[in-house]
Amino acid sequence: MPGFDSAPAAPEPHDLRTARRNKRYGLILFAIYLAIYATFVVLNAFRPELMDRTWVGLNVATLYGFGLIIAALVLAALYGWLCRAPEAAP
C-alpha cells in the first residue's frame, strides 16, 4: 500500500535531564488535574444538592463535567508547550 513502505523516522535523541524535566512537568500537571477531578467526585458524593443546582440553564454537575474536559485539554496543551524541543542555535 502506498505510504507504508517508507522507513520509520529516526528516534529523537534521548537526554536524561530533559526526560526528567518532562516527567516532573507531567506529574505536576497530573496532580493538578487529579485535585480538580477529586473535588468533582467528592462534591457529587457528599454534596449532591450543590451539583443539582441550575446555572446558565444547566446543572452544576454538567458544567463541571465540561470544565473537566476543557481542563484536560488545556493541561495537555500546556504540557506540550512546556516539553517542546529547544530551538536550535543559529
C-alpha atoms as a PDB file:
ATOM      1  CA  MET A   1       0.000   0.000   0.000  1.00  0.00           C
ATOM      2  CA  PRO A   2       1.303   3.450  -0.748  1.00  0.00           C
ATOM      3  CA  GLY A   3       2.919   5.291   2.110  1.00  0.00           C
ATOM      4  CA  PHE A   4       3.516   2.248   4.276  1.00  0.00           C
ATOM      5  CA  ASP A   5       6.796   1.176   2.710  1.00  0.00           C
ATOM      6  CA  SER A   6       8.870   4.151   3.861  1.00  0.00           C
ATOM      7  CA  ALA A   7      11.496   3.856   6.577  1.00  0.00           C
ATOM      8  CA  PRO A   8      10.398   4.901  10.088  1.00  0.00           C
ATOM      9  CA  ALA A   9      11.502   8.292  11.337  1.00  0.00           C
ATOM     10  CA  ALA A  10      14.722   8.403  13.312  1.00  0.00           C
ATOM     11  CA  PRO A  11      14.134   8.394  17.068  1.00  0.00           C
ATOM     12  CA  GLU A  12      14.624  11.626  18.922  1.00  0.00           C
ATOM     13  CA  PRO A  13      17.868  11.861  20.860  1.00  0.00           C
ATOM     14  CA  HIS A  14      17.365  10.838  24.486  1.00  0.00           C
ATOM     15  CA  ASP A  15      18.568  13.387  27.001  1.00  0.00           C
ATOM     16  CA  LEU A  16      18.189  12.209  30.593  1.00  0.00           C
ATOM     17  CA  ARG A  17      17.950  15.739  32.004  1.00  0.00           C
ATOM     18  CA  THR A  18      15.196  16.687  29.565  1.00  0.00           C
ATOM     19  CA  ALA A  19      13.343  13.453  30.246  1.00  0.00           C
ATOM     20  CA  ARG A  20      13.408  14.120  33.995  1.00  0.00           C
ATOM     21  CA  ARG A  21      12.170  17.675  33.495  1.00  0.00           C
ATOM     22  CA  ASN A  22       9.338  16.491  31.260  1.00  0.00           C
ATOM     23  CA  LYS A  23       8.421  13.786  33.785  1.00  0.00           C
ATOM     24  CA  ARG A  24       8.288  16.390  36.562  1.00  0.00           C
ATOM     25  CA  TYR A  25       6.025  18.625  34.453  1.00  0.00           C
ATOM     26  CA  GLY A  26       3.774  15.680  33.702  1.00  0.00           C
ATOM     27  CA  LEU A  27       3.465  14.700  37.351  1.00  0.00           C
ATOM     28  CA  ILE A  28       2.714  18.264  38.439  1.00  0.00           C
ATOM     29  CA  LEU A  29       0.038  18.711  35.779  1.00  0.00           C
ATOM     30  CA  PHE A  30      -1.416  15.297  36.621  1.00  0.00           C
ATOM     31  CA  ALA A  31      -1.612  16.285  40.303  1.00  0.00           C
ATOM     32  CA  ILE A  32      -3.460  19.473  39.343  1.00  0.00           C
ATOM     33  CA  TYR A  33      -5.986  17.543  37.262  1.00  0.00           C
ATOM     34  CA  LEU A  34      -6.335  14.898  39.973  1.00  0.00           C
ATOM     35  CA  ALA A  35      -7.203  17.602  42.520  1.00  0.00           C
ATOM     36  CA  ILE A  36      -9.829  19.079  40.191  1.00  0.00           C
ATOM     37  CA  TYR A  37     -11.324  15.648  39.490  1.00  0.00           C
ATOM     38  CA  ALA A  38     -11.239  14.570  43.156  1.00  0.00           C
ATOM     39  CA  THR A  39     -13.155  17.740  44.055  1.00  0.00           C
ATOM     40  CA  PHE A  40     -15.763  16.811  41.437  1.00  0.00           C
ATOM     41  CA  VAL A  41     -16.133  13.291  42.865  1.00  0.00           C
ATOM     42  CA  VAL A  42     -16.315  14.487  46.488  1.00  0.00           C
ATOM     43  CA  LEU A  43     -18.922  17.112  45.639  1.00  0.00           C
ATOM     44  CA  ASN A  44     -21.026  14.525  43.811  1.00  0.00           C
ATOM     45  CA  ALA A  45     -20.740  12.055  46.675  1.00  0.00           C
ATOM     46  CA  PHE A  46     -21.264  14.344  49.648  1.00  0.00           C
ATOM     47  CA  ARG A  47     -22.988  17.466  48.290  1.00  0.00           C
ATOM     48  CA  PRO A  48     -25.317  16.251  45.514  1.00  0.00           C
ATOM     49  CA  GLU A  49     -27.733  19.127  46.188  1.00  0.00           C
ATOM     50  CA  LEU A  50     -24.961  21.568  45.238  1.00  0.00           C
ATOM     51  CA  MET A  51     -24.292  19.750  41.979  1.00  0.00           C
ATOM     52  CA  ASP A  52     -28.034  19.707  41.197  1.00  0.00           C
ATOM     53  CA  ARG A  53     -28.357  23.496  41.210  1.00  0.00           C
ATOM     54  CA  THR A  54     -29.050  25.133  37.875  1.00  0.00           C
ATOM     55  CA  TRP A  55     -26.713  27.760  36.496  1.00  0.00           C
ATOM     56  CA  VAL A  56     -26.837  29.204  32.959  1.00  0.00           C
ATOM     57  CA  GLY A  57     -29.576  26.723  32.100  1.00  0.00           C
ATOM     58  CA  LEU A  58     -27.557  23.619  33.050  1.00  0.00           C
ATOM     59  CA  ASN A  59     -26.956  21.902  36.341  1.00  0.00           C
ATOM     60  CA  VAL A  60     -23.586  22.414  38.014  1.00  0.00           C
ATOM     61  CA  ALA A  61     -22.574  18.753  37.567  1.00  0.00           C
ATOM     62  CA  THR A  62     -22.871  19.068  33.781  1.00  0.00           C
ATOM     63  CA  LEU A  63     -20.955  22.338  33.725  1.00  0.00           C
ATOM     64  CA  TYR A  64     -18.258  20.878  35.979  1.00  0.00           C
ATOM     65  CA  GLY A  65     -18.010  17.854  33.655  1.00  0.00           C
ATOM     66  CA  PHE A  66     -17.470  20.112  30.664  1.00  0.00           C
ATOM     67  CA  GLY A  67     -14.933  22.020  32.734  1.00  0.00           C
ATOM     68  CA  LEU A  68     -13.064  18.771  33.393  1.00  0.00           C
ATOM     69  CA  ILE A  69     -12.846  18.072  29.670  1.00  0.00           C
ATOM     70  CA  ILE A  70     -11.639  21.599  28.931  1.00  0.00           C
ATOM     71  CA  ALA A  71      -9.139  21.444  31.808  1.00  0.00           C
ATOM     72  CA  ALA A  72      -7.718  18.192  30.435  1.00  0.00           C
ATOM     73  CA  LEU A  73      -7.255  19.762  27.003  1.00  0.00           C
ATOM     74  CA  VAL A  74      -5.672  22.909  28.452  1.00  0.00           C
ATOM     75  CA  LEU A  75      -3.289  20.902  30.651  1.00  0.00           C
ATOM     76  CA  ALA A  76      -2.342  18.682  27.687  1.00  0.00           C
ATOM     77  CA  ALA A  77      -1.583  21.758  25.575  1.00  0.00           C
ATOM     78  CA  LEU A  78       0.402  23.254  28.452  1.00  0.00           C
ATOM     79  CA  TYR A  79       2.396  20.029  28.783  1.00  0.00           C
ATOM     80  CA  GLY A  80       3.122  20.044  25.050  1.00  0.00           C
ATOM     81  CA  TRP A  81       4.272  23.650  25.256  1.00  0.00           C
ATOM     82  CA  LEU A  82       6.446  23.074  28.328  1.00  0.00           C
ATOM     83  CA  CYS A  83       8.085  19.978  26.856  1.00  0.00           C
ATOM     84  CA  ARG A  84       8.735  21.314  23.367  1.00  0.00           C
ATOM     85  CA  ALA A  85      12.194  20.800  21.955  1.00  0.00           C
ATOM     86  CA  PRO A  86      14.529  23.780  22.394  1.00  0.00           C
ATOM     87  CA  GLU A  87      15.175  25.784  19.267  1.00  0.00           C
ATOM     88  CA  ALA A  88      18.450  25.096  17.520  1.00  0.00           C
ATOM     89  CA  ALA A  89      21.087  27.788  17.922  1.00  0.00           C
ATOM     90  CA  PRO A  90      21.995  29.571  14.651  1.00  0.00           C
END
